[in-house]
Amino acid sequence: MLSIPEYSEKNGNVYLVLRNKISGHSKTIHDSVMEKIEKDWKIYNETQKKIFFYLFTRHKAALSEIVAYVQINENTVRAYLNKFIDDKLVDKQSSKQRDINALYMFKKQ
């Protein structure tokens, strides 16, 4: 998770810089995504909040997993996920339009 160490010398002192690459980690949620969800939290219904919670805890999930968790019709969950995709909060990992194995995760801006 750390980049290559950077050494420098200034005024007879040696400095070591270790940069954290956490933003590139697969489980990191981009600040802009978190800010948008936080800002709009009150307007989301309970099912939408459950979907977010599931993605927060699992980091990525298939439609069938989310449907089983929220216990609501698949088409409704798909509509919410598509809305989240349009709002640039969630990404879908699949090249197909209606892929049952597609994975949904928070957008990595």
PDB file of N, CA and C in Angstrom:
ATOM      1  N   MET A   1       0.795  -1.198   0.000  1.00  0.00           N
ATOM      2  CA  MET A   1       0.000   0.000   0.000  1.00  0.00           C
ATOM      3  C   MET A   1       0.842   1.269   0.000  1.00  0.00           C
ATOM      4  N   LEU A   2       2.133   1.177   0.204  1.00  0.00           N
ATOM      5  CA  LEU A   2       2.966   2.373   0.194  1.00  0.00           C
ATOM      6  C   LEU A   2       3.707   2.478  -1.125  1.00  0.00           C
ATOM      7  N   SER A   3       3.953   3.728  -1.544  1.00  0.00           N
ATOM      8  CA  SER A   3       4.742   3.947  -2.749  1.00  0.00           C
ATOM      9  C   SER A   3       6.219   3.771  -2.404  1.00  0.00           C
ATOM     10  N   ILE A   4       7.064   3.939  -3.384  1.00  0.00           N
ATOM     11  CA  ILE A   4       8.514   3.812  -3.166  1.00  0.00           C
ATOM     12  C   ILE A   4       8.956   4.924  -2.223  1.00  0.00           C
ATOM     13  N   PRO A   5       9.766   4.596  -1.209  1.00  0.00           N
ATOM     14  CA  PRO A   5      10.221   5.625  -0.262  1.00  0.00           C
ATOM     15  C   PRO A   5      10.995   6.734  -0.976  1.00  0.00           C
ATOM     16  N   GLU A   6      10.808   7.961  -0.524  1.00  0.00           N
ATOM     17  CA  GLU A   6      11.515   9.116  -1.082  1.00  0.00           C
ATOM     18  C   GLU A   6      12.460   9.659  -0.007  1.00  0.00           C
ATOM     19  N   TYR A   7      13.745   9.718  -0.337  1.00  0.00           N
ATOM     20  CA  TYR A   7      14.747  10.239   0.585  1.00  0.00           C
ATOM     21  C   TYR A   7      15.213  11.603   0.096  1.00  0.00           C
ATOM     22  N   SER A   8      15.435  12.506   1.022  1.00  0.00           N
ATOM     23  CA  SER A   8      16.005  13.814   0.672  1.00  0.00           C
ATOM     24  C   SER A   8      16.884  14.281   1.828  1.00  0.00           C
ATOM     25  N   GLU A   9      17.784  15.186   1.492  1.00  0.00           N
ATOM     26  CA  GLU A   9      18.676  15.731   2.521  1.00  0.00           C
ATOM     27  C   GLU A   9      18.577  17.243   2.477  1.00  0.00           C
ATOM     28  N   LYS A  10      18.360  17.848   3.649  1.00  0.00           N
ATOM     29  CA  LYS A  10      18.234  19.288   3.761  1.00  0.00           C
ATOM     30  C   LYS A  10      18.901  19.741   5.041  1.00  0.00           C
ATOM     31  N   ASN A  11      19.817  20.664   4.934  1.00  0.00           N
ATOM     32  CA  ASN A  11      20.497  21.246   6.103  1.00  0.00           C
ATOM     33  C   ASN A  11      21.095  20.177   7.012  1.00  0.00           C
ATOM     34  N   GLY A  12      21.690  19.164   6.428  1.00  0.00           N
ATOM     35  CA  GLY A  12      22.338  18.121   7.215  1.00  0.00           C
ATOM     36  C   GLY A  12      21.371  17.095   7.799  1.00  0.00           C
ATOM     37  N   ASN A  13      20.077  17.200   7.492  1.00  0.00           N
ATOM     38  CA  ASN A  13      19.084  16.234   7.971  1.00  0.00           C
ATOM     39  C   ASN A  13      18.624  15.353   6.810  1.00  0.00           C
ATOM     40  N   VAL A  14      18.380  14.094   7.105  1.00  0.00           N
ATOM     41  CA  VAL A  14      17.860  13.174   6.101  1.00  0.00           C
ATOM     42  C   VAL A  14      16.371  12.983   6.371  1.00  0.00           C
ATOM     43  N   TYR A  15      15.564  13.116   5.308  1.00  0.00           N
ATOM     44  CA  TYR A  15      14.123  12.972   5.425  1.00  0.00           C
ATOM     45  C   TYR A  15      13.651  11.762   4.616  1.00  0.00           C
ATOM     46  N   LEU A  16      12.742  11.020   5.193  1.00  0.00           N
ATOM     47  CA  LEU A  16      12.144   9.874   4.531  1.00  0.00           C
ATOM     48  C   LEU A  16      10.651  10.153   4.390  1.00  0.00           C
ATOM     49  N   VAL A  17      10.129  10.029   3.166  1.00  0.00           N
ATOM     50  CA  VAL A  17       8.709  10.252   2.914  1.00  0.00           C
ATOM     51  C   VAL A  17       8.115   8.940   2.406  1.00  0.00           C
ATOM     52  N   LEU A  18       7.061   8.478   3.084  1.00  0.00           N
ATOM     53  CA  LEU A  18       6.318   7.298   2.663  1.00  0.00           C
ATOM     54  C   LEU A  18       4.904   7.761   2.328  1.00  0.00           C
ATOM     55  N   ARG A  19       4.524   7.628   1.088  1.00  0.00           N
ATOM     56  CA  ARG A  19       3.197   8.068   0.658  1.00  0.00           C
ATOM     57  C   ARG A  19       2.245   6.873   0.651  1.00  0.00           C
ATOM     58  N   ASN A  20       1.106   7.088   1.252  1.00  0.00           N
ATOM     59  CA  ASN A  20       0.078   6.057   1.323  1.00  0.00           C
ATOM     60  C   ASN A  20      -0.725   6.055   0.034  1.00  0.00           C
ATOM     61  N   LYS A  21      -0.927   4.891  -0.552  1.00  0.00           N
ATOM     62  CA  LYS A  21      -1.704   4.786  -1.793  1.00  0.00           C
ATOM     63  C   LYS A  21      -3.092   4.201  -1.503  1.00  0.00           C
ATOM     64  N   ILE A  22      -3.683   4.574  -0.384  1.00  0.00           N
ATOM     65  CA  ILE A  22      -4.965   4.012   0.025  1.00  0.00           C
ATOM     66  C   ILE A  22      -6.077   4.355  -0.958  1.00  0.00           C
ATOM     67  N   SER A  23      -5.968   5.505  -1.627  1.00  0.00           N
ATOM     68  CA  SER A  23      -7.032   5.876  -2.562  1.00  0.00           C
ATOM     69  C   SER A  23      -7.129   4.911  -3.730  1.00  0.00           C
ATOM     70  N   GLY A  24      -6.069   4.169  -4.000  1.00  0.00           N
ATOM     71  CA  GLY A  24      -6.095   3.188  -5.065  1.00  0.00           C
ATOM     72  C   GLY A  24      -6.544   1.814  -4.604  1.00  0.00           C
ATOM     73  N   HIS A  25      -6.789   1.666  -3.319  1.00  0.00           N
ATOM     74  CA  HIS A  25      -7.198   0.385  -2.756  1.00  0.00           C
ATOM     75  C   HIS A  25      -8.609   0.038  -3.233  1.00  0.00           C
ATOM     76  N   SER A  26      -8.855  -1.208  -3.486  1.00  0.00           N
ATOM     77  CA  SER A  26     -10.141  -1.626  -4.050  1.00  0.00           C
ATOM     78  C   SER A  26     -11.330  -1.374  -3.120  1.00  0.00           C
ATOM     79  N   LYS A  27     -11.087  -1.234  -1.830  1.00  0.00           N
ATOM     80  CA  LYS A  27     -12.193  -1.042  -0.885  1.00  0.00           C
ATOM     81  C   LYS A  27     -12.383   0.423  -0.473  1.00  0.00           C
ATOM     82  N   THR A  28     -11.606   1.315  -1.059  1.00  0.00           N
ATOM     83  CA  THR A  28     -11.719   2.725  -0.727  1.00  0.00           C
ATOM     84  C   THR A  28     -12.864   3.359  -1.519  1.00  0.00           C
ATOM     85  N   ILE A  29     -13.684   4.119  -0.829  1.00  0.00           N
ATOM     86  CA  ILE A  29     -14.793   4.829  -1.470  1.00  0.00           C
ATOM     87  C   ILE A  29     -14.367   6.282  -1.624  1.00  0.00           C
ATOM     88  N   HIS A  30     -14.466   6.789  -2.847  1.00  0.00           N
ATOM     89  CA  HIS A  30     -14.012   8.140  -3.150  1.00  0.00           C
ATOM     90  C   HIS A  30     -14.779   9.175  -2.323  1.00  0.00           C
ATOM     91  N   ASP A  31     -14.073  10.238  -1.916  1.00  0.00           N
ATOM     92  CA  ASP A  31     -14.680  11.299  -1.100  1.00  0.00           C
ATOM     93  C   ASP A  31     -15.916  11.906  -1.748  1.00  0.00           C
ATOM     94  N   SER A  32     -15.868  12.140  -3.054  1.00  0.00           N
ATOM     95  CA  SER A  32     -17.013  12.781  -3.720  1.00  0.00           C
ATOM     96  C   SER A  32     -18.259  11.891  -3.668  1.00  0.00           C
ATOM     97  N   VAL A  33     -18.061  10.580  -3.722  1.00  0.00           N
ATOM     98  CA  VAL A  33     -19.184   9.638  -3.624  1.00  0.00           C
ATOM     99  C   VAL A  33     -19.768   9.699  -2.208  1.00  0.00           C
ATOM    100  N   MET A  34     -18.902   9.656  -1.220  1.00  0.00           N
ATOM    101  CA  MET A  34     -19.364   9.710   0.173  1.00  0.00           C
ATOM    102  C   MET A  34     -20.089  11.024   0.469  1.00  0.00           C
ATOM    103  N   GLU A  35     -19.559  12.130  -0.029  1.00  0.00           N
ATOM    104  CA  GLU A  35     -20.182  13.434   0.206  1.00  0.00           C
ATOM    105  C   GLU A  35     -21.579  13.502  -0.419  1.00  0.00           C
ATOM    106  N   LYS A  36     -21.721  12.969  -1.636  1.00  0.00           N
ATOM    107  CA  LYS A  36     -23.027  12.983  -2.313  1.00  0.00           C
ATOM    108  C   LYS A  36     -24.037  12.119  -1.558  1.00  0.00           C
ATOM    109  N   ILE A  37     -23.619  10.937  -1.122  1.00  0.00           N
ATOM    110  CA  ILE A  37     -24.520  10.061  -0.368  1.00  0.00           C
ATOM    111  C   ILE A  37     -24.922  10.727   0.944  1.00  0.00           C
ATOM    112  N   GLU A  38     -23.939  11.307   1.626  1.00  0.00           N
ATOM    113  CA  GLU A  38     -24.215  11.996   2.895  1.00  0.00           C
ATOM    114  C   GLU A  38     -25.206  13.141   2.694  1.00  0.00           C
ATOM    115  N   LYS A  39     -24.963  13.934   1.658  1.00  0.00           N
ATOM    116  CA  LYS A  39     -25.812  15.100   1.384  1.00  0.00           C
ATOM    117  C   LYS A  39     -27.257  14.693   1.101  1.00  0.00           C
ATOM    118  N   ASP A  40     -27.432  13.587   0.386  1.00  0.00           N
ATOM    119  CA  ASP A  40     -28.771  13.152  -0.023  1.00  0.00           C
ATOM    120  C   ASP A  40     -29.367  12.064   0.870  1.00  0.00           C
ATOM    121  N   TRP A  41     -28.706  11.708   1.949  1.00  0.00           N
ATOM    122  CA  TRP A  41     -29.126  10.576   2.782  1.00  0.00           C
ATOM    123  C   TRP A  41     -30.595  10.645   3.185  1.00  0.00           C
ATOM    124  N   LYS A  42     -31.071  11.818   3.534  1.00  0.00           N
ATOM    125  CA  LYS A  42     -32.451  11.954   4.016  1.00  0.00           C
ATOM    126  C   LYS A  42     -33.494  11.687   2.924  1.00  0.00           C
ATOM    127  N   ILE A  43     -33.109  11.834   1.667  1.00  0.00           N
ATOM    128  CA  ILE A  43     -34.097  11.620   0.604  1.00  0.00           C
ATOM    129  C   ILE A  43     -34.141  10.170   0.114  1.00  0.00           C
ATOM    130  N   TYR A  44     -33.166   9.365   0.523  1.00  0.00           N
ATOM    131  CA  TYR A  44     -33.179   7.950   0.138  1.00  0.00           C
ATOM    132  C   TYR A  44     -34.199   7.191   0.980  1.00  0.00           C
ATOM    133  N   ASN A  45     -34.901   6.251   0.356  1.00  0.00           N
ATOM    134  CA  ASN A  45     -35.841   5.438   1.121  1.00  0.00           C
ATOM    135  C   ASN A  45     -35.073   4.302   1.824  1.00  0.00           C
ATOM    136  N   GLU A  46     -35.780   3.531   2.624  1.00  0.00           N
ATOM    137  CA  GLU A  46     -35.128   2.481   3.421  1.00  0.00           C
ATOM    138  C   GLU A  46     -34.439   1.425   2.549  1.00  0.00           C
ATOM    139  N   THR A  47     -35.044   1.076   1.438  1.00  0.00           N
ATOM    140  CA  THR A  47     -34.429   0.081   0.550  1.00  0.00           C
ATOM    141  C   THR A  47     -33.145   0.616  -0.051  1.00  0.00           C
ATOM    142  N   GLN A  48     -33.142   1.849  -0.492  1.00  0.00           N
ATOM    143  CA  GLN A  48     -31.930   2.450  -1.044  1.00  0.00           C
ATOM    144  C   GLN A  48     -30.822   2.496   0.016  1.00  0.00           C
ATOM    145  N   LYS A  49     -31.190   2.835   1.237  1.00  0.00           N
ATOM    146  CA  LYS A  49     -30.205   2.868   2.322  1.00  0.00           C
ATOM    147  C   LYS A  49     -29.646   1.474   2.594  1.00  0.00           C
ATOM    148  N   LYS A  50     -30.512   0.454   2.520  1.00  0.00           N
ATOM    149  CA  LYS A  50     -30.057  -0.920   2.720  1.00  0.00           C
ATOM    150  C   LYS A  50     -29.073  -1.338   1.622  1.00  0.00           C
ATOM    151  N   ILE A  51     -29.352  -0.920   0.394  1.00  0.00           N
ATOM    152  CA  ILE A  51     -28.435  -1.224  -0.712  1.00  0.00           C
ATOM    153  C   ILE A  51     -27.080  -0.580  -0.452  1.00  0.00           C
ATOM    154  N   PHE A  52     -27.078   0.683  -0.066  1.00  0.00           N
ATOM    155  CA  PHE A  52     -25.814   1.359   0.262  1.00  0.00           C
ATOM    156  C   PHE A  52     -25.094   0.630   1.394  1.00  0.00           C
ATOM    157  N   PHE A  53     -25.834   0.297   2.445  1.00  0.00           N
ATOM    158  CA  PHE A  53     -25.226  -0.397   3.587  1.00  0.00           C
ATOM    159  C   PHE A  53     -24.580  -1.707   3.136  1.00  0.00           C
ATOM    160  N   TYR A  54     -25.283  -2.453   2.302  1.00  0.00           N
ATOM    161  CA  TYR A  54     -24.742  -3.735   1.812  1.00  0.00           C
ATOM    162  C   TYR A  54     -23.465  -3.503   1.016  1.00  0.00           C
ATOM    163  N   LEU A  55     -23.461  -2.491   0.164  1.00  0.00           N
ATOM    164  CA  LEU A  55     -22.258  -2.198  -0.607  1.00  0.00           C
ATOM    165  C   LEU A  55     -21.130  -1.662   0.286  1.00  0.00           C
ATOM    166  N   PHE A  56     -21.487  -0.905   1.322  1.00  0.00           N
ATOM    167  CA  PHE A  56     -20.466  -0.438   2.274  1.00  0.00           C
ATOM    168  C   PHE A  56     -19.773  -1.621   2.943  1.00  0.00           C
ATOM    169  N   THR A  57     -20.547  -2.618   3.327  1.00  0.00           N
ATOM    170  CA  THR A  57     -19.974  -3.744   4.073  1.00  0.00           C
ATOM    171  C   THR A  57     -19.345  -4.802   3.180  1.00  0.00           C
ATOM    172  N   ARG A  58     -19.893  -5.005   1.990  1.00  0.00           N
ATOM    173  CA  ARG A  58     -19.394  -6.056   1.087  1.00  0.00           C
ATOM    174  C   ARG A  58     -18.430  -5.524   0.026  1.00  0.00           C
ATOM    175  N   HIS A  59     -18.476  -4.228  -0.236  1.00  0.00           N
ATOM    176  CA  HIS A  59     -17.633  -3.541  -1.218  1.00  0.00           C
ATOM    177  C   HIS A  59     -18.025  -3.800  -2.661  1.00  0.00           C
ATOM    178  N   LYS A  60     -18.533  -4.976  -2.967  1.00  0.00           N
ATOM    179  CA  LYS A  60     -19.116  -5.249  -4.285  1.00  0.00           C
ATOM    180  C   LYS A  60     -20.067  -6.420  -4.146  1.00  0.00           C
ATOM    181  N   ALA A  61     -21.073  -6.428  -5.023  1.00  0.00           N
ATOM    182  CA  ALA A  61     -22.086  -7.482  -4.914  1.00  0.00           C
ATOM    183  C   ALA A  61     -22.823  -7.649  -6.231  1.00  0.00           C
ATOM    184  N   ALA A  62     -23.301  -8.850  -6.449  1.00  0.00           N
ATOM    185  CA  ALA A  62     -24.146  -9.144  -7.606  1.00  0.00           C
ATOM    186  C   ALA A  62     -25.582  -8.736  -7.280  1.00  0.00           C
ATOM    187  N   LEU A  63     -26.362  -8.527  -8.313  1.00  0.00           N
ATOM    188  CA  LEU A  63     -27.770  -8.148  -8.144  1.00  0.00           C
ATOM    189  C   LEU A  63     -28.503  -9.148  -7.261  1.00  0.00           C
ATOM    190  N   SER A  64     -28.279 -10.436  -7.496  1.00  0.00           N
ATOM    191  CA  SER A  64     -28.987 -11.468  -6.718  1.00  0.00           C
ATOM    192  C   SER A  64     -28.658 -11.390  -5.223  1.00  0.00           C
ATOM    193  N   GLU A  65     -27.430 -11.036  -4.888  1.00  0.00           N
ATOM    194  CA  GLU A  65     -27.048 -10.893  -3.474  1.00  0.00           C
ATOM    195  C   GLU A  65     -27.772  -9.717  -2.835  1.00  0.00           C
ATOM    196  N   ILE A  66     -27.835  -8.619  -3.568  1.00  0.00           N
ATOM    197  CA  ILE A  66     -28.508  -7.422  -3.051  1.00  0.00           C
ATOM    198  C   ILE A  66     -30.001  -7.681  -2.891  1.00  0.00           C
ATOM    199  N   VAL A  67     -30.606  -8.345  -3.873  1.00  0.00           N
ATOM    200  CA  VAL A  67     -32.037  -8.676  -3.811  1.00  0.00           C
ATOM    201  C   VAL A  67     -32.318  -9.548  -2.595  1.00  0.00           C
ATOM    202  N   ALA A  68     -31.469 -10.544  -2.356  1.00  0.00           N
ATOM    203  CA  ALA A  68     -31.654 -11.428  -1.198  1.00  0.00           C
ATOM    204  C   ALA A  68     -31.526 -10.642   0.111  1.00  0.00           C
ATOM    205  N   TYR A  69     -30.637  -9.680   0.140  1.00  0.00           N
ATOM    206  CA  TYR A  69     -30.425  -8.889   1.358  1.00  0.00           C
ATOM    207  C   TYR A  69     -31.599  -7.950   1.635  1.00  0.00           C
ATOM    208  N   VAL A  70     -32.045  -7.215   0.616  1.00  0.00           N
ATOM    209  CA  VAL A  70     -33.119  -6.230   0.848  1.00  0.00           C
ATOM    210  C   VAL A  70     -34.505  -6.840   0.767  1.00  0.00           C
ATOM    211  N   GLN A  71     -34.600  -8.035   0.227  1.00  0.00           N
ATOM    212  CA  GLN A  71     -35.860  -8.769   0.113  1.00  0.00           C
ATOM    213  C   GLN A  71     -36.949  -7.950  -0.576  1.00  0.00           C
ATOM    214  N   ILE A  72     -36.600  -7.506  -1.758  1.00  0.00           N
ATOM    215  CA  ILE A  72     -37.513  -6.714  -2.579  1.00  0.00           C
ATOM    216  C   ILE A  72     -37.366  -7.175  -4.025  1.00  0.00           C
ATOM    217  N   ASN A  73     -38.342  -6.893  -4.846  1.00  0.00           N
ATOM    218  CA  ASN A  73     -38.366  -7.298  -6.243  1.00  0.00           C
ATOM    219  C   ASN A  73     -37.079  -6.908  -6.979  1.00  0.00           C
ATOM    220  N   GLU A  74     -36.586  -7.830  -7.795  1.00  0.00           N
ATOM    221  CA  GLU A  74     -35.341  -7.626  -8.545  1.00  0.00           C
ATOM    222  C   GLU A  74     -35.389  -6.391  -9.446  1.00  0.00           C
ATOM    223  N   ASN A  75     -36.525  -6.167 -10.095  1.00  0.00           N
ATOM    224  CA  ASN A  75     -36.645  -5.006 -10.993  1.00  0.00           C
ATOM    225  C   ASN A  75     -36.543  -3.689 -10.229  1.00  0.00           C
ATOM    226  N   THR A  76     -37.075  -3.668  -9.021  1.00  0.00           N
ATOM    227  CA  THR A  76     -36.985  -2.463  -8.189  1.00  0.00           C
ATOM    228  C   THR A  76     -35.544  -2.206  -7.792  1.00  0.00           C
ATOM    229  N   VAL A  77     -34.846  -3.244  -7.357  1.00  0.00           N
ATOM    230  CA  VAL A  77     -33.436  -3.107  -6.972  1.00  0.00           C
ATOM    231  C   VAL A  77     -32.617  -2.670  -8.184  1.00  0.00           C
ATOM    232  N   ARG A  78     -32.878  -3.277  -9.338  1.00  0.00           N
ATOM    233  CA  ARG A  78     -32.162  -2.898 -10.560  1.00  0.00           C
ATOM    234  C   ARG A  78     -32.402  -1.416 -10.881  1.00  0.00           C
ATOM    235  N   ALA A  79     -33.628  -0.951 -10.712  1.00  0.00           N
ATOM    236  CA  ALA A  79     -33.947   0.459 -10.975  1.00  0.00           C
ATOM    237  C   ALA A  79     -33.162   1.379 -10.033  1.00  0.00           C
ATOM    238  N   TYR A  80     -33.088   1.004  -8.749  1.00  0.00           N
ATOM    239  CA  TYR A  80     -32.305   1.800  -7.789  1.00  0.00           C
ATOM    240  C   TYR A  80     -30.830   1.807  -8.175  1.00  0.00           C
ATOM    241  N   LEU A  81     -30.296   0.647  -8.533  1.00  0.00           N
ATOM    242  CA  LEU A  81     -28.885   0.575  -8.921  1.00  0.00           C
ATOM    243  C   LEU A  81     -28.618   1.408 -10.176  1.00  0.00           C
ATOM    244  N   ASN A  82     -29.530   1.357 -11.130  1.00  0.00           N
ATOM    245  CA  ASN A  82     -29.363   2.164 -12.343  1.00  0.00           C
ATOM    246  C   ASN A  82     -29.400   3.659 -12.018  1.00  0.00           C
ATOM    247  N   LYS A  83     -30.242   4.035 -11.064  1.00  0.00           N
ATOM    248  CA  LYS A  83     -30.286   5.439 -10.616  1.00  0.00           C
ATOM    249  C   LYS A  83     -28.963   5.819  -9.968  1.00  0.00           C
ATOM    250  N   PHE A  84     -28.411   4.940  -9.148  1.00  0.00           N
ATOM    251  CA  PHE A  84     -27.116   5.201  -8.515  1.00  0.00           C
ATOM    252  C   PHE A  84     -26.006   5.309  -9.566  1.00  0.00           C
ATOM    253  N   ILE A  85     -26.100   4.507 -10.609  1.00  0.00           N
ATOM    254  CA  ILE A  85     -25.124   4.579 -11.707  1.00  0.00           C
ATOM    255  C   ILE A  85     -25.256   5.926 -12.420  1.00  0.00           C
ATOM    256  N   ASP A  86     -26.498   6.339 -12.725  1.00  0.00           N
ATOM    257  CA  ASP A  86     -26.734   7.631 -13.373  1.00  0.00           C
ATOM    258  C   ASP A  86     -26.234   8.792 -12.519  1.00  0.00           C
ATOM    259  N   ASP A  87     -26.347   8.647 -11.194  1.00  0.00           N
ATOM    260  CA  ASP A  87     -25.887   9.678 -10.258  1.00  0.00           C
ATOM    261  C   ASP A  87     -24.380   9.607 -10.011  1.00  0.00           C
ATOM    262  N   LYS A  88     -23.703   8.686 -10.694  1.00  0.00           N
ATOM    263  CA  LYS A  88     -22.250   8.495 -10.585  1.00  0.00           C
ATOM    264  C   LYS A  88     -21.795   8.107  -9.175  1.00  0.00           C
ATOM    265  N   LEU A  89     -22.618   7.291  -8.525  1.00  0.00           N
ATOM    266  CA  LEU A  89     -22.288   6.784  -7.195  1.00  0.00           C
ATOM    267  C   LEU A  89     -21.811   5.340  -7.261  1.00  0.00           C
ATOM    268  N   VAL A  90     -22.336   4.590  -8.221  1.00  0.00           N
ATOM    269  CA  VAL A  90     -22.073   3.154  -8.320  1.00  0.00           C
ATOM    270  C   VAL A  90     -21.631   2.826  -9.744  1.00  0.00           C
ATOM    271  N   ASP A  91     -20.756   1.841  -9.858  1.00  0.00           N
ATOM    272  CA  ASP A  91     -20.328   1.296 -11.147  1.00  0.00           C
ATOM    273  C   ASP A  91     -20.826  -0.132 -11.274  1.00  0.00           C
ATOM    274  N   LYS A  92     -21.036  -0.541 -12.503  1.00  0.00           N
ATOM    275  CA  LYS A  92     -21.431  -1.914 -12.792  1.00  0.00           C
ATOM    276  C   LYS A  92     -20.296  -2.552 -13.582  1.00  0.00           C
ATOM    277  N   GLN A  93     -19.788  -3.677 -13.081  1.00  0.00           N
ATOM    278  CA  GLN A  93     -18.721  -4.396 -13.766  1.00  0.00           C
ATOM    279  C   GLN A  93     -19.316  -5.465 -14.651  1.00  0.00           C
ATOM    280  N   SER A  94     -19.543  -5.119 -15.907  1.00  0.00           N
ATOM    281  CA  SER A  94     -20.059  -6.073 -16.881  1.00  0.00           C
ATOM    282  C   SER A  94     -20.146  -5.377 -18.224  1.00  0.00           C
ATOM    283  N   SER A  95     -19.984  -6.137 -19.278  1.00  0.00           N
ATOM    284  CA  SER A  95     -20.110  -5.560 -20.612  1.00  0.00           C
ATOM    285  C   SER A  95     -21.517  -5.764 -21.163  1.00  0.00           C
ATOM    286  N   LYS A  96     -22.297  -6.602 -20.499  1.00  0.00           N
ATOM    287  CA  LYS A  96     -23.661  -6.895 -20.962  1.00  0.00           C
ATOM    288  C   LYS A  96     -24.683  -5.978 -20.304  1.00  0.00           C
ATOM    289  N   GLN A  97     -25.789  -5.757 -20.989  1.00  0.00           N
ATOM    290  CA  GLN A  97     -26.858  -4.899 -20.469  1.00  0.00           C
ATOM    291  C   GLN A  97     -27.541  -5.514 -19.240  1.00  0.00           C
ATOM    292  N   ARG A  98     -27.956  -6.764 -19.317  1.00  0.00           N
ATOM    293  CA  ARG A  98     -28.652  -7.434 -18.215  1.00  0.00           C
ATOM    294  C   ARG A  98     -27.897  -8.689 -17.808  1.00  0.00           C
ATOM    295  N   ASP A  99     -26.724  -8.513 -17.285  1.00  0.00           N
ATOM    296  CA  ASP A  99     -25.864  -9.619 -16.878  1.00  0.00           C
ATOM    297  C   ASP A  99     -26.188 -10.006 -15.437  1.00  0.00           C
ATOM    298  N   ILE A 100     -26.641 -11.236 -15.220  1.00  0.00           N
ATOM    299  CA  ILE A 100     -26.990 -11.671 -13.864  1.00  0.00           C
ATOM    300  C   ILE A 100     -25.759 -11.803 -12.975  1.00  0.00           C
ATOM    301  N   ASN A 101     -24.578 -11.874 -13.581  1.00  0.00           N
ATOM    302  CA  ASN A 101     -23.343 -11.992 -12.810  1.00  0.00           C
ATOM    303  C   ASN A 101     -22.609 -10.661 -12.658  1.00  0.00           C
ATOM    304  N   ALA A 102     -23.213  -9.580 -13.116  1.00  0.00           N
ATOM    305  CA  ALA A 102     -22.587  -8.260 -13.005  1.00  0.00           C
ATOM    306  C   ALA A 102     -22.362  -7.918 -11.538  1.00  0.00           C
ATOM    307  N   LEU A 103     -21.270  -7.241 -11.270  1.00  0.00           N
ATOM    308  CA  LEU A 103     -20.968  -6.801  -9.909  1.00  0.00           C
ATOM    309  C   LEU A 103     -21.159  -5.298  -9.808  1.00  0.00           C
ATOM    310  N   TYR A 104     -21.739  -4.870  -8.701  1.00  0.00           N
ATOM    311  CA  TYR A 104     -21.964  -3.453  -8.435  1.00  0.00           C
ATOM    312  C   TYR A 104     -21.052  -3.035  -7.291  1.00  0.00           C
ATOM    313  N   MET A 105     -20.469  -1.853  -7.423  1.00  0.00           N
ATOM    314  CA  MET A 105     -19.573  -1.326  -6.395  1.00  0.00           C
ATOM    315  C   MET A 105     -19.585   0.198  -6.459  1.00  0.00           C
ATOM    316  N   PHE A 106     -19.075   0.836  -5.421  1.00  0.00           N
ATOM    317  CA  PHE A 106     -19.017   2.286  -5.429  1.00  0.00           C
ATOM    318  C   PHE A 106     -18.037   2.764  -6.488  1.00  0.00           C
ATOM    319  N   LYS A 107     -18.352   3.887  -7.112  1.00  0.00           N
ATOM    320  CA  LYS A 107     -17.560   4.458  -8.183  1.00  0.00           C
ATOM    321  C   LYS A 107     -16.164   4.852  -7.675  1.00  0.00           C
ATOM    322  N   LYS A 108     -15.171   4.616  -8.511  1.00  0.00           N
ATOM    323  CA  LYS A 108     -13.772   4.919  -8.173  1.00  0.00           C
ATOM    324  C   LYS A 108     -13.280   6.151  -8.899  1.00  0.00           C
ATOM    325  N   GLN A 109     -13.927   7.196  -8.898  1.00  0.00           N
ATOM    326  CA  GLN A 109     -13.637   8.451  -9.583  1.00  0.00           C
ATOM    327  C   GLN A 109     -12.216   8.560  -9.961  1.00  0.00           C
TER     328      GLN A 109
END
